[in-house]
Protein backbone atom coordinates (compact mmCIF):
# COMPACT_ATOMS: atom_id res chain seq x y z
CA UNK A 1 176.88 161.50 14.00
CA UNK A 2 175.34 158.30 14.88
CA UNK A 3 176.33 156.09 11.88
CA UNK A 4 176.47 152.24 12.52
CA UNK A 5 175.28 152.56 16.20
CA UNK A 6 173.26 149.60 17.18
CA UNK A 7 170.91 150.93 19.92
CA UNK A 8 170.34 153.60 22.39
CA UNK A 9 171.92 153.28 25.80
CA UNK A 10 169.27 155.30 27.66
CA UNK A 11 171.84 156.18 30.34
CA UNK A 12 171.48 152.88 31.99
CA UNK A 13 173.63 149.89 32.58
CA UNK A 14 173.09 146.82 30.08
CA UNK A 15 171.10 144.59 32.65
CA UNK A 16 169.00 147.61 33.70
CA UNK A 17 168.35 148.69 30.18
CA UNK A 18 167.24 145.27 29.15
CA UNK A 19 165.04 144.70 32.20
CA UNK A 20 163.31 148.03 31.51
CA UNK A 21 162.81 147.30 27.80
CA UNK A 22 161.33 143.75 28.72
CA UNK A 23 159.02 145.22 31.28
CA UNK A 24 157.72 147.83 28.82
CA UNK A 25 157.19 145.02 26.18
CA UNK A 26 155.48 142.89 28.72
CA UNK A 27 153.15 145.72 29.86
CA UNK A 28 152.26 146.56 26.22
CA UNK A 29 151.30 142.98 25.55
CA UNK A 30 149.18 142.95 28.71
CA UNK A 31 147.31 146.26 28.32
CA UNK A 32 147.62 147.15 24.62
CA UNK A 33 149.01 150.52 25.21
CA UNK A 34 151.72 152.06 27.28
CA UNK A 35 152.56 155.72 28.15
CA UNK A 36 156.38 156.13 28.09
CA UNK A 37 159.13 158.54 27.20
CA UNK A 38 159.69 158.76 23.35
CA UNK A 39 163.34 157.47 23.32
CA UNK A 40 162.20 154.40 25.53
CA UNK A 41 159.26 153.80 23.23
CA UNK A 42 161.53 153.74 20.18
CA UNK A 43 163.77 151.28 21.63
CA UNK A 44 160.96 149.06 23.04
CA UNK A 45 159.29 149.18 19.71
CA UNK A 46 162.29 147.20 18.21
CA UNK A 47 161.76 144.55 20.86
CA UNK A 48 157.96 144.35 20.44
CA UNK A 49 158.31 144.07 16.57
CA UNK A 50 160.67 141.11 17.06
CA UNK A 51 158.37 139.23 19.44
CA UNK A 52 155.41 139.68 17.10
CA UNK A 53 157.49 138.53 14.10
CA UNK A 54 158.46 135.33 16.19
CA UNK A 55 154.74 134.85 17.15
CA UNK A 56 153.75 134.97 13.43
CA UNK A 57 156.25 132.24 12.66
CA UNK A 58 154.81 129.94 15.37
CA UNK A 59 157.19 127.20 15.75
CA UNK A 60 158.75 125.94 18.96
CA UNK A 61 162.03 127.68 18.51
CA UNK A 62 160.23 131.05 17.94
CA UNK A 63 158.24 130.30 21.15
CA UNK A 64 161.36 129.72 23.11
CA UNK A 65 162.97 132.85 21.95
CA UNK A 66 159.74 134.90 22.77
CA UNK A 67 159.71 133.46 26.38
CA UNK A 68 163.44 134.42 26.77
CA UNK A 69 162.34 138.08 25.96
CA UNK A 70 158.98 138.24 27.76
CA UNK A 71 159.46 135.70 30.60
CA UNK A 72 155.61 135.44 31.17
CA UNK A 73 154.22 132.22 29.68
CA UNK A 74 150.66 133.35 29.66
CA UNK A 75 151.29 136.55 27.70
CA UNK A 76 153.41 134.39 25.21
CA UNK A 77 150.57 131.75 24.83
CA UNK A 78 147.99 134.55 24.16
CA UNK A 79 150.34 136.26 21.71
CA UNK A 80 151.02 133.07 19.80
CA UNK A 81 147.30 132.12 19.65
CA UNK A 82 146.26 135.48 18.23
CA UNK A 83 149.41 136.50 16.01
CA UNK A 84 148.44 134.75 12.85
CA UNK A 85 144.90 136.09 12.65
CA UNK A 86 145.63 139.58 14.24
CA UNK A 87 148.73 140.48 12.24
CA UNK A 88 148.30 138.38 9.02
CA UNK A 89 147.97 141.44 6.84
CA UNK A 90 151.02 143.18 7.97
CA UNK A 91 154.63 142.36 7.43
CA UNK A 92 155.95 144.93 9.81
CA UNK A 93 154.75 148.18 11.50
CA UNK A 94 152.69 146.47 14.40
CA UNK A 95 153.00 149.48 16.74
CA UNK A 96 151.92 153.02 16.69
CA UNK A 97 153.46 155.95 18.66
CA UNK A 98 151.17 158.88 19.45
CA UNK A 99 152.77 162.00 21.06
CA UNK A 100 150.80 163.18 23.86
CA UNK A 101 152.97 166.17 25.26
CA UNK A 102 155.74 166.67 27.72
CA UNK A 103 156.30 165.30 31.16
CA UNK A 104 155.69 167.79 34.08
CA UNK A 105 159.02 167.43 35.91
CA UNK A 106 161.70 167.53 33.09
CA UNK A 107 159.74 168.17 29.99
CA UNK A 108 160.66 164.88 28.45
CA UNK A 109 158.51 164.12 25.46
CA UNK A 110 155.95 161.44 26.26
CA UNK A 111 154.17 159.15 23.75
CA UNK A 112 151.56 156.57 23.87
CA UNK A 113 152.86 153.30 22.45
CA UNK A 114 150.05 151.08 21.12
CA UNK A 115 149.75 147.76 19.32
CA UNK A 116 147.68 147.89 16.24
């Protein structure tokens, strides 16, 4: 049983896992949707929700924390400009996962991760 486990390790070293999740998050904010494996999407969703919550808060400390996660200042600038109007009606649940089938090589479940 997985009681009190903090996150999925995704069979990667810590630095590789964090880099992968940051790149998924960055790509999601650039494109609006990303096609990725289901377990990676579930982990990346946690990071995306955190960054959007920081953007809704909008202060300098939140901006610095978001830049430490995303590391692309242009994406952070656009996100902070749009967050209060775009996500004003929601308190959480900023992403959607749509199952689109299995991957050809290993039959891993693939989802489409979208920002609402």
